[in-house]
């Protein structure tokens, strides 16, 4: 690559927050954009949310959005990162937990249920699906999804150390996929009268997979 081509390539790559030097004002602007993007996605849906619309709601120029995130996909990727962090942080801790296995499982299951029934969860799933279709971002999205799965697996194993890793992993996947399915159904058809019963049935199936009554 020639020196001129190398300089051109560097100009097209948005600087990272570390390269810019994060300041309180930059952090506030970044948070404002992410919060506004999430609100816009909730109200307008993914198809109706453009970078220009987000910039307008923030009363910022497109150049400011580009400075922080590069493009719309970069903004959505940052939003996905924040969503994964929020899910991880919302789950209950297990350090020093002296409750029996049934109570610990119930606490963990209910923590996941609360997180997945939050209105933002379906929004972030839509973002994940769209970015996963883009070959430029597919690897990054898959890496983040693998990371959250790894963190969930670790949390479940720490919560239920008296069971084998294989048993716990199967129970975690049953809980995760079941709750995601119920969350998707609720987003599409709304809350049904039987929703609570479905959740209880799923919780019982997860417990039964571990031999917990």
N, C-alpha and C. Protein backbone atom coordinates (compact mmCIF):
# COMPACT_ATOMS: atom_id res chain seq x y z
N UNK A 1 0.85 -1.20 0.00
CA UNK A 1 0.00 0.00 0.00
C UNK A 1 0.89 1.25 0.00
N UNK A 2 0.55 2.21 -0.90
CA UNK A 2 1.32 3.43 -0.96
C UNK A 2 1.06 4.29 0.26
N UNK A 3 1.94 5.28 0.49
CA UNK A 3 1.75 6.17 1.62
C UNK A 3 0.45 6.93 1.51
N UNK A 4 0.10 7.39 0.28
CA UNK A 4 -1.14 8.14 0.08
C UNK A 4 -2.36 7.27 0.35
N UNK A 5 -2.32 6.00 -0.12
CA UNK A 5 -3.45 5.09 0.11
C UNK A 5 -3.60 4.79 1.59
N UNK A 6 -2.45 4.63 2.27
CA UNK A 6 -2.51 4.36 3.71
C UNK A 6 -3.12 5.51 4.47
N UNK A 7 -2.76 6.75 4.08
CA UNK A 7 -3.33 7.93 4.74
C UNK A 7 -4.84 8.01 4.49
N UNK A 8 -5.27 7.66 3.27
CA UNK A 8 -6.68 7.71 2.94
C UNK A 8 -7.46 6.70 3.76
N UNK A 9 -6.87 5.50 3.93
CA UNK A 9 -7.54 4.46 4.70
C UNK A 9 -7.71 4.87 6.14
N UNK A 10 -6.65 5.53 6.68
CA UNK A 10 -6.72 5.95 8.07
C UNK A 10 -7.78 7.03 8.27
N UNK A 11 -7.97 7.88 7.26
CA UNK A 11 -8.96 8.96 7.37
C UNK A 11 -10.38 8.41 7.41
N UNK A 12 -10.61 7.25 6.75
CA UNK A 12 -11.95 6.69 6.69
C UNK A 12 -12.33 5.96 7.97
N UNK A 13 -11.34 5.63 8.80
CA UNK A 13 -11.62 4.88 10.03
C UNK A 13 -11.88 5.84 11.17
N UNK A 14 -13.09 5.79 11.77
CA UNK A 14 -13.37 6.71 12.87
C UNK A 14 -12.47 6.43 14.05
N UNK A 15 -11.93 7.44 14.70
CA UNK A 15 -11.04 7.21 15.83
C UNK A 15 -11.79 6.60 17.00
N UNK A 16 -11.11 5.77 17.77
CA UNK A 16 -11.72 5.18 18.95
C UNK A 16 -11.75 6.20 20.06
N UNK A 17 -12.55 5.88 21.11
CA UNK A 17 -12.63 6.83 22.23
C UNK A 17 -11.28 6.99 22.89
N UNK A 18 -10.46 5.91 22.87
CA UNK A 18 -9.14 6.00 23.47
C UNK A 18 -8.24 6.93 22.69
N UNK A 19 -8.35 6.86 21.34
CA UNK A 19 -7.52 7.72 20.51
C UNK A 19 -7.94 9.18 20.66
N UNK A 20 -9.25 9.42 20.86
CA UNK A 20 -9.72 10.79 21.02
C UNK A 20 -9.43 11.33 22.41
N UNK A 21 -9.39 10.42 23.38
CA UNK A 21 -9.27 10.85 24.76
C UNK A 21 -10.65 11.17 25.30
N UNK A 22 -11.24 10.22 26.05
CA UNK A 22 -12.61 10.39 26.52
C UNK A 22 -12.69 11.54 27.53
N UNK A 23 -13.65 12.41 27.33
CA UNK A 23 -13.89 13.52 28.26
C UNK A 23 -15.33 13.42 28.73
N UNK A 24 -15.67 14.07 29.87
CA UNK A 24 -17.06 14.02 30.33
C UNK A 24 -18.05 14.48 29.27
N UNK A 25 -17.70 15.52 28.51
CA UNK A 25 -18.62 16.01 27.50
C UNK A 25 -18.82 14.99 26.39
N UNK A 26 -17.74 14.35 25.95
CA UNK A 26 -17.87 13.32 24.91
C UNK A 26 -18.69 12.14 25.41
N UNK A 27 -18.44 11.76 26.66
CA UNK A 27 -19.19 10.65 27.24
C UNK A 27 -20.68 10.98 27.32
N UNK A 28 -21.00 12.22 27.70
CA UNK A 28 -22.40 12.65 27.79
C UNK A 28 -23.06 12.64 26.42
N UNK A 29 -22.33 13.12 25.41
CA UNK A 29 -22.88 13.15 24.05
C UNK A 29 -23.12 11.73 23.55
N UNK A 30 -22.18 10.85 23.80
CA UNK A 30 -22.31 9.45 23.37
C UNK A 30 -23.52 8.80 24.05
N UNK A 31 -23.67 9.05 25.34
CA UNK A 31 -24.80 8.49 26.08
C UNK A 31 -26.13 9.06 25.57
N UNK A 32 -26.16 10.35 25.27
CA UNK A 32 -27.36 10.98 24.73
C UNK A 32 -27.76 10.32 23.41
N UNK A 33 -26.80 10.10 22.54
CA UNK A 33 -27.09 9.50 21.24
C UNK A 33 -27.62 8.08 21.41
N UNK A 34 -26.97 7.29 22.28
CA UNK A 34 -27.40 5.91 22.49
C UNK A 34 -28.80 5.85 23.09
N UNK A 35 -29.07 6.70 24.07
CA UNK A 35 -30.38 6.72 24.71
C UNK A 35 -31.46 7.14 23.71
N UNK A 36 -31.15 8.15 22.89
CA UNK A 36 -32.11 8.63 21.90
C UNK A 36 -32.34 7.59 20.82
N UNK A 37 -31.28 6.90 20.41
CA UNK A 37 -31.41 5.85 19.40
C UNK A 37 -32.34 4.74 19.89
N UNK A 38 -32.20 4.37 21.15
CA UNK A 38 -33.04 3.33 21.72
C UNK A 38 -34.50 3.78 21.77
N UNK A 39 -34.73 5.02 22.15
CA UNK A 39 -36.10 5.56 22.18
C UNK A 39 -36.71 5.57 20.77
N UNK A 40 -35.91 5.97 19.81
CA UNK A 40 -36.38 6.02 18.42
C UNK A 40 -36.71 4.62 17.91
N UNK A 41 -35.88 3.66 18.25
CA UNK A 41 -36.12 2.27 17.83
C UNK A 41 -37.40 1.73 18.45
N UNK A 42 -37.65 2.08 19.70
CA UNK A 42 -38.88 1.63 20.36
C UNK A 42 -40.12 2.18 19.65
N UNK A 43 -40.04 3.46 19.27
CA UNK A 43 -41.21 4.15 18.71
C UNK A 43 -41.37 3.94 17.21
N UNK A 44 -40.25 3.92 16.47
CA UNK A 44 -40.31 3.89 15.02
C UNK A 44 -39.98 2.51 14.43
N UNK A 45 -39.38 1.66 15.23
CA UNK A 45 -38.94 0.37 14.69
C UNK A 45 -37.61 0.52 13.97
N UNK A 46 -37.00 -0.60 13.65
CA UNK A 46 -35.69 -0.57 13.03
C UNK A 46 -35.72 0.08 11.65
N UNK A 47 -36.73 -0.27 10.86
CA UNK A 47 -36.82 0.28 9.49
C UNK A 47 -37.03 1.78 9.50
N UNK A 48 -37.72 2.30 10.51
CA UNK A 48 -38.02 3.72 10.55
C UNK A 48 -36.99 4.56 11.27
N UNK A 49 -35.91 3.93 11.72
CA UNK A 49 -34.89 4.65 12.48
C UNK A 49 -33.65 4.87 11.61
N UNK A 50 -33.44 6.12 11.24
CA UNK A 50 -32.26 6.48 10.45
C UNK A 50 -31.30 7.28 11.32
N UNK A 51 -30.05 7.33 10.90
CA UNK A 51 -29.07 8.12 11.64
C UNK A 51 -29.47 9.60 11.64
N UNK A 52 -30.03 10.05 10.52
CA UNK A 52 -30.44 11.46 10.43
C UNK A 52 -31.56 11.76 11.43
N UNK A 53 -32.49 10.81 11.59
CA UNK A 53 -33.60 11.03 12.53
C UNK A 53 -33.07 11.07 13.96
N UNK A 54 -32.11 10.20 14.27
CA UNK A 54 -31.52 10.19 15.62
C UNK A 54 -30.79 11.50 15.87
N UNK A 55 -30.04 11.95 14.88
CA UNK A 55 -29.30 13.21 15.02
C UNK A 55 -30.26 14.37 15.24
N UNK A 56 -31.38 14.37 14.52
CA UNK A 56 -32.35 15.44 14.65
C UNK A 56 -32.96 15.45 16.05
N UNK A 57 -33.29 14.28 16.56
CA UNK A 57 -33.87 14.20 17.91
C UNK A 57 -32.88 14.67 18.97
N UNK A 58 -31.60 14.42 18.73
CA UNK A 58 -30.57 14.85 19.68
C UNK A 58 -30.20 16.31 19.51
N UNK A 59 -30.69 16.91 18.41
CA UNK A 59 -30.31 18.27 18.04
C UNK A 59 -28.80 18.35 17.82
N UNK A 60 -28.31 17.34 17.11
CA UNK A 60 -26.90 17.28 16.76
C UNK A 60 -26.78 17.11 15.25
N UNK A 61 -25.62 17.39 14.72
CA UNK A 61 -25.39 17.19 13.29
C UNK A 61 -25.00 15.73 13.03
N UNK A 62 -25.18 15.31 11.78
CA UNK A 62 -24.76 13.96 11.40
C UNK A 62 -23.27 13.78 11.64
N UNK A 63 -22.51 14.84 11.47
CA UNK A 63 -21.07 14.76 11.67
C UNK A 63 -20.70 14.35 13.09
N UNK A 64 -21.48 14.81 14.07
CA UNK A 64 -21.21 14.42 15.47
C UNK A 64 -21.47 12.93 15.66
N UNK A 65 -22.56 12.42 15.08
CA UNK A 65 -22.86 10.99 15.15
C UNK A 65 -21.73 10.19 14.51
N UNK A 66 -21.30 10.65 13.36
CA UNK A 66 -20.23 9.98 12.63
C UNK A 66 -18.93 10.00 13.42
N UNK A 67 -18.66 11.09 14.09
CA UNK A 67 -17.45 11.23 14.90
C UNK A 67 -17.39 10.18 15.99
N UNK A 68 -18.53 9.92 16.63
CA UNK A 68 -18.57 8.98 17.74
C UNK A 68 -18.73 7.52 17.31
N UNK A 69 -19.48 7.30 16.21
CA UNK A 69 -19.83 5.91 15.88
C UNK A 69 -19.46 5.48 14.46
N UNK A 70 -19.09 6.40 13.61
CA UNK A 70 -18.71 6.05 12.24
C UNK A 70 -19.89 6.09 11.29
N UNK A 71 -20.89 5.24 11.51
CA UNK A 71 -22.08 5.22 10.67
C UNK A 71 -23.23 4.60 11.47
N UNK A 72 -24.38 4.41 10.80
CA UNK A 72 -25.55 3.87 11.50
C UNK A 72 -25.26 2.49 12.08
N UNK A 73 -24.54 1.66 11.32
CA UNK A 73 -24.22 0.32 11.81
C UNK A 73 -23.33 0.37 13.04
N UNK A 74 -22.38 1.32 13.04
CA UNK A 74 -21.51 1.47 14.20
C UNK A 74 -22.30 1.90 15.43
N UNK A 75 -23.30 2.75 15.22
CA UNK A 75 -24.17 3.18 16.30
C UNK A 75 -24.99 2.00 16.84
N UNK A 76 -25.55 1.19 15.94
CA UNK A 76 -26.32 0.03 16.36
C UNK A 76 -25.46 -0.99 17.09
N UNK A 77 -24.21 -1.14 16.64
CA UNK A 77 -23.29 -2.07 17.30
C UNK A 77 -22.99 -1.60 18.72
N UNK A 78 -22.79 -0.30 18.89
CA UNK A 78 -22.55 0.25 20.23
C UNK A 78 -23.78 0.06 21.12
N UNK A 79 -24.96 0.19 20.53
CA UNK A 79 -26.19 0.00 21.27
C UNK A 79 -26.33 -1.47 21.70
N UNK A 80 -25.93 -2.37 20.82
CA UNK A 80 -25.97 -3.79 21.14
C UNK A 80 -25.00 -4.11 22.27
N UNK A 81 -23.83 -3.52 22.22
CA UNK A 81 -22.85 -3.72 23.30
C UNK A 81 -23.43 -3.30 24.64
N UNK A 82 -24.07 -2.14 24.66
CA UNK A 82 -24.64 -1.63 25.90
C UNK A 82 -25.77 -2.54 26.38
N UNK A 83 -26.53 -3.07 25.44
CA UNK A 83 -27.61 -3.99 25.81
C UNK A 83 -27.10 -5.27 26.43
N UNK A 84 -26.01 -5.81 25.87
CA UNK A 84 -25.42 -7.02 26.42
C UNK A 84 -24.88 -6.77 27.83
N UNK A 85 -24.24 -5.61 28.00
CA UNK A 85 -23.72 -5.26 29.32
C UNK A 85 -24.85 -5.11 30.33
N UNK A 86 -25.96 -4.51 29.90
CA UNK A 86 -27.10 -4.31 30.78
C UNK A 86 -27.70 -5.66 31.20
N UNK A 87 -27.80 -6.59 30.24
CA UNK A 87 -28.31 -7.93 30.56
C UNK A 87 -27.40 -8.62 31.56
N UNK A 88 -26.12 -8.56 31.31
CA UNK A 88 -25.16 -9.19 32.23
C UNK A 88 -25.26 -8.61 33.63
N UNK A 89 -25.34 -7.28 33.72
CA UNK A 89 -25.35 -6.62 35.03
C UNK A 89 -26.67 -6.80 35.77
N UNK A 90 -27.74 -7.10 35.03
CA UNK A 90 -29.06 -7.23 35.66
C UNK A 90 -29.26 -8.58 36.33
N UNK A 91 -28.42 -9.55 35.98
CA UNK A 91 -28.59 -10.89 36.54
C UNK A 91 -28.09 -10.94 37.98
N UNK A 92 -28.73 -11.72 38.82
CA UNK A 92 -28.37 -11.75 40.24
C UNK A 92 -27.00 -12.35 40.49
N UNK A 93 -26.30 -11.84 41.50
CA UNK A 93 -25.01 -12.40 41.88
C UNK A 93 -25.20 -13.62 42.75
N UNK A 94 -24.15 -14.42 42.88
CA UNK A 94 -24.26 -15.66 43.65
C UNK A 94 -23.20 -15.75 44.74
N UNK A 95 -22.39 -14.72 44.88
CA UNK A 95 -21.33 -14.77 45.88
C UNK A 95 -21.93 -14.88 47.28
N UNK A 96 -21.51 -15.89 48.02
CA UNK A 96 -21.96 -16.04 49.40
C UNK A 96 -23.42 -16.45 49.53
N UNK A 97 -24.02 -16.97 48.45
CA UNK A 97 -25.44 -17.35 48.49
C UNK A 97 -25.58 -18.71 49.17
N UNK A 98 -26.26 -18.74 50.31
CA UNK A 98 -26.40 -19.98 51.08
C UNK A 98 -27.76 -20.64 50.90
N UNK A 99 -28.59 -20.14 49.98
CA UNK A 99 -29.90 -20.73 49.77
C UNK A 99 -29.78 -22.10 49.10
N UNK A 100 -30.86 -22.87 49.17
CA UNK A 100 -30.81 -24.19 48.53
C UNK A 100 -30.88 -24.04 47.01
N UNK A 101 -30.65 -25.14 46.31
CA UNK A 101 -30.55 -25.10 44.85
C UNK A 101 -31.84 -24.60 44.20
N UNK A 102 -32.99 -25.01 44.75
CA UNK A 102 -34.27 -24.59 44.18
C UNK A 102 -34.45 -23.08 44.26
N UNK A 103 -34.07 -22.49 45.38
CA UNK A 103 -34.22 -21.04 45.56
C UNK A 103 -33.24 -20.28 44.68
N UNK A 104 -32.02 -20.79 44.56
CA UNK A 104 -31.02 -20.14 43.70
C UNK A 104 -31.44 -20.19 42.25
N UNK A 105 -31.96 -21.34 41.82
CA UNK A 105 -32.42 -21.48 40.44
C UNK A 105 -33.58 -20.53 40.17
N UNK A 106 -34.52 -20.45 41.09
CA UNK A 106 -35.67 -19.56 40.93
C UNK A 106 -35.23 -18.10 40.80
N UNK A 107 -34.28 -17.69 41.63
CA UNK A 107 -33.79 -16.30 41.58
C UNK A 107 -33.13 -16.01 40.23
N UNK A 108 -32.32 -16.95 39.75
CA UNK A 108 -31.63 -16.76 38.47
C UNK A 108 -32.63 -16.73 37.32
N UNK A 109 -33.57 -17.66 37.33
CA UNK A 109 -34.59 -17.73 36.27
C UNK A 109 -35.41 -16.45 36.23
N UNK A 110 -35.83 -15.97 37.39
CA UNK A 110 -36.65 -14.74 37.44
C UNK A 110 -35.85 -13.52 37.00
N UNK A 111 -34.54 -13.51 37.30
CA UNK A 111 -33.70 -12.41 36.83
C UNK A 111 -33.62 -12.38 35.31
N UNK A 112 -33.47 -13.56 34.69
CA UNK A 112 -33.44 -13.64 33.24
C UNK A 112 -34.79 -13.27 32.64
N UNK A 113 -35.86 -13.71 33.28
CA UNK A 113 -37.20 -13.39 32.79
C UNK A 113 -37.44 -11.89 32.79
N UNK A 114 -37.07 -11.23 33.89
CA UNK A 114 -37.25 -9.78 33.98
C UNK A 114 -36.49 -9.06 32.88
N UNK A 115 -35.24 -9.50 32.64
CA UNK A 115 -34.42 -8.86 31.61
C UNK A 115 -35.02 -9.08 30.22
N UNK A 116 -35.50 -10.29 29.94
CA UNK A 116 -35.98 -10.61 28.60
C UNK A 116 -37.38 -10.09 28.33
N UNK A 117 -38.13 -9.76 29.39
CA UNK A 117 -39.45 -9.18 29.18
C UNK A 117 -39.41 -7.65 29.10
N UNK A 118 -38.22 -7.08 29.31
CA UNK A 118 -38.09 -5.63 29.21
C UNK A 118 -38.32 -5.21 27.75
N UNK A 119 -39.03 -4.11 27.51
CA UNK A 119 -39.30 -3.68 26.13
C UNK A 119 -38.05 -3.52 25.27
N UNK A 120 -36.93 -3.19 25.89
CA UNK A 120 -35.71 -2.98 25.10
C UNK A 120 -35.12 -4.29 24.58
N UNK A 121 -35.50 -5.41 25.20
CA UNK A 121 -34.90 -6.69 24.82
C UNK A 121 -35.24 -7.03 23.38
N UNK A 122 -36.51 -6.89 22.98
CA UNK A 122 -36.90 -7.21 21.62
C UNK A 122 -36.26 -6.25 20.63
N UNK A 123 -36.14 -4.99 21.02
CA UNK A 123 -35.47 -4.00 20.16
C UNK A 123 -34.05 -4.44 19.87
N UNK A 124 -33.34 -4.87 20.91
CA UNK A 124 -31.94 -5.27 20.75
C UNK A 124 -31.82 -6.58 19.97
N UNK A 125 -32.81 -7.46 20.09
CA UNK A 125 -32.81 -8.67 19.27
C UNK A 125 -32.93 -8.32 17.79
N UNK A 126 -33.80 -7.35 17.49
CA UNK A 126 -33.96 -6.90 16.10
C UNK A 126 -32.65 -6.32 15.58
N UNK A 127 -31.97 -5.54 16.42
CA UNK A 127 -30.69 -4.96 16.04
C UNK A 127 -29.67 -6.06 15.78
N UNK A 128 -29.64 -7.04 16.65
CA UNK A 128 -28.70 -8.14 16.50
C UNK A 128 -28.92 -8.90 15.20
N UNK A 129 -30.19 -9.14 14.87
CA UNK A 129 -30.52 -9.85 13.63
C UNK A 129 -30.09 -9.05 12.41
N UNK A 130 -30.38 -7.74 12.41
CA UNK A 130 -30.02 -6.91 11.25
C UNK A 130 -28.50 -6.86 11.05
N UNK A 131 -27.78 -6.62 12.13
CA UNK A 131 -26.32 -6.53 12.02
C UNK A 131 -25.72 -7.88 11.64
N UNK A 132 -26.34 -8.96 12.11
CA UNK A 132 -25.84 -10.29 11.78
C UNK A 132 -25.97 -10.63 10.31
N UNK A 133 -26.88 -9.94 9.61
CA UNK A 133 -27.05 -10.16 8.17
C UNK A 133 -26.00 -9.43 7.34
N UNK A 134 -25.35 -8.47 7.96
CA UNK A 134 -24.34 -7.65 7.27
C UNK A 134 -22.98 -8.31 7.42
N UNK A 135 -22.38 -8.69 6.30
CA UNK A 135 -21.10 -9.41 6.37
C UNK A 135 -20.01 -8.58 7.03
N UNK A 136 -20.15 -7.25 6.99
CA UNK A 136 -19.13 -6.40 7.62
C UNK A 136 -19.16 -6.52 9.14
N UNK A 137 -20.32 -6.84 9.69
CA UNK A 137 -20.48 -6.84 11.15
C UNK A 137 -20.81 -8.22 11.72
N UNK A 138 -20.98 -9.21 10.84
CA UNK A 138 -21.42 -10.53 11.31
C UNK A 138 -20.48 -11.12 12.35
N UNK A 139 -19.18 -11.03 12.09
CA UNK A 139 -18.22 -11.62 13.02
C UNK A 139 -18.27 -10.92 14.38
N UNK A 140 -18.41 -9.60 14.37
CA UNK A 140 -18.46 -8.85 15.62
C UNK A 140 -19.71 -9.20 16.42
N UNK A 141 -20.83 -9.34 15.72
CA UNK A 141 -22.08 -9.69 16.39
C UNK A 141 -22.00 -11.11 16.97
N UNK A 142 -21.45 -12.02 16.19
CA UNK A 142 -21.31 -13.40 16.67
C UNK A 142 -20.39 -13.47 17.88
N UNK A 143 -19.34 -12.66 17.87
CA UNK A 143 -18.43 -12.65 19.01
C UNK A 143 -19.13 -12.14 20.27
N UNK A 144 -19.93 -11.09 20.12
CA UNK A 144 -20.64 -10.55 21.28
C UNK A 144 -21.69 -11.53 21.79
N UNK A 145 -22.37 -12.21 20.87
CA UNK A 145 -23.37 -13.19 21.27
C UNK A 145 -22.70 -14.36 21.99
N UNK A 146 -21.53 -14.78 21.49
CA UNK A 146 -20.79 -15.87 22.14
C UNK A 146 -20.31 -15.44 23.52
N UNK A 147 -19.96 -14.17 23.65
CA UNK A 147 -19.49 -13.66 24.94
C UNK A 147 -20.60 -13.69 25.98
N UNK A 148 -21.80 -13.24 25.60
CA UNK A 148 -22.90 -13.22 26.57
C UNK A 148 -23.32 -14.65 26.91
N UNK A 149 -23.25 -15.56 25.94
CA UNK A 149 -23.57 -16.95 26.22
C UNK A 149 -22.56 -17.55 27.20
N UNK A 150 -21.29 -17.19 27.00
CA UNK A 150 -20.26 -17.68 27.90
C UNK A 150 -20.47 -17.15 29.32
N UNK A 151 -20.84 -15.87 29.42
CA UNK A 151 -21.08 -15.27 30.74
C UNK A 151 -22.30 -15.90 31.41
N UNK A 152 -23.34 -16.17 30.64
CA UNK A 152 -24.52 -16.83 31.19
C UNK A 152 -24.19 -18.23 31.69
N UNK A 153 -23.43 -18.95 30.88
CA UNK A 153 -23.04 -20.31 31.26
C UNK A 153 -22.22 -20.30 32.55
N UNK A 154 -21.29 -19.35 32.64
CA UNK A 154 -20.46 -19.24 33.84
C UNK A 154 -21.32 -18.92 35.07
N UNK A 155 -22.28 -18.01 34.91
CA UNK A 155 -23.15 -17.62 36.01
C UNK A 155 -24.00 -18.80 36.48
N UNK A 156 -24.55 -19.53 35.52
CA UNK A 156 -25.37 -20.68 35.89
C UNK A 156 -24.53 -21.74 36.61
N UNK A 157 -23.31 -21.98 36.13
CA UNK A 157 -22.47 -22.99 36.77
C UNK A 157 -22.08 -22.58 38.19
N UNK A 158 -21.84 -21.28 38.39
CA UNK A 158 -21.50 -20.79 39.73
C UNK A 158 -22.71 -20.85 40.66
N UNK A 159 -23.90 -20.62 40.08
CA UNK A 159 -25.12 -20.62 40.87
C UNK A 159 -25.49 -22.03 41.33
N UNK A 160 -25.18 -23.01 40.48
CA UNK A 160 -25.58 -24.39 40.75
C UNK A 160 -24.38 -25.34 40.70
N UNK A 161 -23.40 -25.15 41.60
CA UNK A 161 -22.16 -25.91 41.54
C UNK A 161 -22.31 -27.39 41.88
N UNK A 162 -23.44 -27.77 42.49
CA UNK A 162 -23.63 -29.17 42.88
C UNK A 162 -24.02 -30.06 41.71
N UNK A 163 -24.29 -29.45 40.54
CA UNK A 163 -24.64 -30.22 39.35
C UNK A 163 -23.48 -30.21 38.35
N UNK A 164 -23.49 -31.19 37.45
CA UNK A 164 -22.43 -31.24 36.44
C UNK A 164 -22.57 -30.08 35.46
N UNK A 165 -21.46 -29.74 34.82
CA UNK A 165 -21.48 -28.64 33.85
C UNK A 165 -22.45 -28.93 32.71
N UNK A 166 -22.50 -30.18 32.24
CA UNK A 166 -23.40 -30.53 31.15
C UNK A 166 -24.86 -30.35 31.56
N UNK A 167 -25.20 -30.78 32.79
CA UNK A 167 -26.57 -30.63 33.27
C UNK A 167 -26.97 -29.15 33.34
N UNK A 168 -26.07 -28.35 33.89
CA UNK A 168 -26.37 -26.92 34.05
C UNK A 168 -26.47 -26.23 32.69
N UNK A 169 -25.56 -26.59 31.77
CA UNK A 169 -25.59 -25.97 30.45
C UNK A 169 -26.90 -26.28 29.72
N UNK A 170 -27.38 -27.52 29.85
CA UNK A 170 -28.65 -27.88 29.19
C UNK A 170 -29.82 -27.12 29.81
N UNK A 171 -29.80 -26.97 31.14
CA UNK A 171 -30.86 -26.22 31.81
C UNK A 171 -30.82 -24.75 31.41
N UNK A 172 -29.63 -24.19 31.30
CA UNK A 172 -29.50 -22.77 30.90
C UNK A 172 -30.01 -22.54 29.49
N UNK A 173 -29.70 -23.45 28.56
CA UNK A 173 -30.17 -23.28 27.18
C UNK A 173 -31.69 -23.43 27.11
N UNK A 174 -32.24 -24.36 27.88
CA UNK A 174 -33.69 -24.52 27.92
C UNK A 174 -34.35 -23.24 28.43
N UNK A 175 -33.80 -22.67 29.49
CA UNK A 175 -34.36 -21.43 30.05
C UNK A 175 -34.21 -20.27 29.07
N UNK A 176 -33.02 -20.12 28.50
CA UNK A 176 -32.76 -19.00 27.61
C UNK A 176 -33.63 -19.04 26.36
N UNK A 177 -33.65 -20.20 25.69
CA UNK A 177 -34.43 -20.30 24.46
C UNK A 177 -35.93 -20.21 24.75
N UNK A 178 -36.36 -20.79 25.86
CA UNK A 178 -37.78 -20.71 26.21
C UNK A 178 -38.22 -19.29 26.51
N UNK A 179 -37.42 -18.57 27.28
CA UNK A 179 -37.76 -17.19 27.62
C UNK A 179 -37.69 -16.28 26.39
N UNK A 180 -36.73 -16.54 25.50
CA UNK A 180 -36.66 -15.75 24.27
C UNK A 180 -37.90 -15.99 23.42
N UNK A 181 -38.35 -17.24 23.34
CA UNK A 181 -39.55 -17.55 22.57
C UNK A 181 -40.78 -16.87 23.14
N UNK A 182 -40.93 -16.90 24.46
CA UNK A 182 -42.08 -16.24 25.10
C UNK A 182 -42.00 -14.72 24.92
N UNK A 183 -40.77 -14.19 24.97
CA UNK A 183 -40.59 -12.74 24.76
C UNK A 183 -40.98 -12.35 23.35
N UNK A 184 -40.59 -13.16 22.37
CA UNK A 184 -40.94 -12.88 20.97
C UNK A 184 -42.46 -12.97 20.77
N UNK A 185 -43.08 -14.00 21.34
CA UNK A 185 -44.53 -14.14 21.21
C UNK A 185 -45.24 -12.94 21.81
N UNK A 186 -44.77 -12.50 22.97
CA UNK A 186 -45.39 -11.36 23.63
C UNK A 186 -45.25 -10.10 22.78
N UNK A 187 -44.08 -9.94 22.12
CA UNK A 187 -43.87 -8.76 21.28
C UNK A 187 -44.79 -8.77 20.07
N UNK A 188 -45.10 -9.96 19.55
CA UNK A 188 -45.91 -10.07 18.33
C UNK A 188 -47.40 -10.02 18.63
N UNK A 189 -47.87 -10.77 19.62
CA UNK A 189 -49.31 -10.88 19.86
C UNK A 189 -49.76 -10.21 21.15
N UNK A 190 -48.81 -9.68 21.94
CA UNK A 190 -49.17 -9.05 23.19
C UNK A 190 -49.26 -10.05 24.33
N UNK A 191 -49.44 -9.55 25.52
CA UNK A 191 -49.52 -10.43 26.68
C UNK A 191 -50.83 -11.21 26.66
N UNK A 192 -50.72 -12.54 26.77
CA UNK A 192 -51.90 -13.40 26.83
C UNK A 192 -52.21 -13.72 28.29
N UNK A 193 -53.46 -14.13 28.54
CA UNK A 193 -53.86 -14.49 29.90
C UNK A 193 -53.04 -15.67 30.41
N UNK A 194 -52.62 -16.55 29.49
CA UNK A 194 -51.89 -17.75 29.87
C UNK A 194 -50.38 -17.53 29.96
N UNK A 195 -49.93 -16.31 29.76
CA UNK A 195 -48.48 -16.05 29.74
C UNK A 195 -47.82 -16.48 31.05
N UNK A 196 -48.41 -16.10 32.17
CA UNK A 196 -47.85 -16.44 33.47
C UNK A 196 -47.74 -17.96 33.64
N UNK A 197 -48.77 -18.68 33.17
CA UNK A 197 -48.78 -20.14 33.26
C UNK A 197 -47.66 -20.73 32.39
N UNK A 198 -47.44 -20.13 31.21
CA UNK A 198 -46.37 -20.61 30.33
C UNK A 198 -45.01 -20.44 31.00
N UNK A 199 -44.81 -19.30 31.64
CA UNK A 199 -43.55 -19.03 32.33
C UNK A 199 -43.34 -20.04 33.46
N UNK A 200 -44.39 -20.30 34.22
CA UNK A 200 -44.29 -21.25 35.33
C UNK A 200 -44.00 -22.65 34.81
N UNK A 201 -44.61 -23.02 33.69
CA UNK A 201 -44.37 -24.34 33.10
C UNK A 201 -42.91 -24.46 32.65
N UNK A 202 -42.39 -23.38 32.06
CA UNK A 202 -41.00 -23.39 31.63
C UNK A 202 -40.06 -23.50 32.83
N UNK A 203 -40.36 -22.74 33.89
CA UNK A 203 -39.53 -22.80 35.09
C UNK A 203 -39.53 -24.21 35.68
N UNK A 204 -40.70 -24.86 35.67
CA UNK A 204 -40.80 -26.23 36.19
C UNK A 204 -40.00 -27.21 35.33
N UNK A 205 -40.04 -27.00 34.00
CA UNK A 205 -39.29 -27.88 33.10
C UNK A 205 -37.78 -27.72 33.30
N UNK A 206 -37.34 -26.48 33.52
CA UNK A 206 -35.91 -26.23 33.77
C UNK A 206 -35.49 -26.91 35.07
N UNK A 207 -36.31 -26.76 36.11
CA UNK A 207 -36.00 -27.40 37.40
C UNK A 207 -35.97 -28.91 37.26
N UNK A 208 -36.95 -29.46 36.52
CA UNK A 208 -37.02 -30.91 36.34
C UNK A 208 -35.82 -31.45 35.59
N UNK A 209 -35.27 -30.65 34.67
CA UNK A 209 -34.09 -31.10 33.91
C UNK A 209 -32.88 -31.30 34.82
N UNK A 210 -32.93 -30.67 35.99
CA UNK A 210 -31.86 -30.82 36.99
C UNK A 210 -32.26 -31.74 38.14
N UNK A 211 -33.48 -32.27 38.06
CA UNK A 211 -33.95 -33.13 39.13
C UNK A 211 -34.37 -32.37 40.37
N UNK A 212 -34.70 -31.08 40.21
CA UNK A 212 -35.13 -30.24 41.33
C UNK A 212 -36.65 -30.19 41.34
N UNK A 213 -37.23 -30.44 42.47
CA UNK A 213 -38.70 -30.39 42.59
C UNK A 213 -39.17 -28.99 42.93
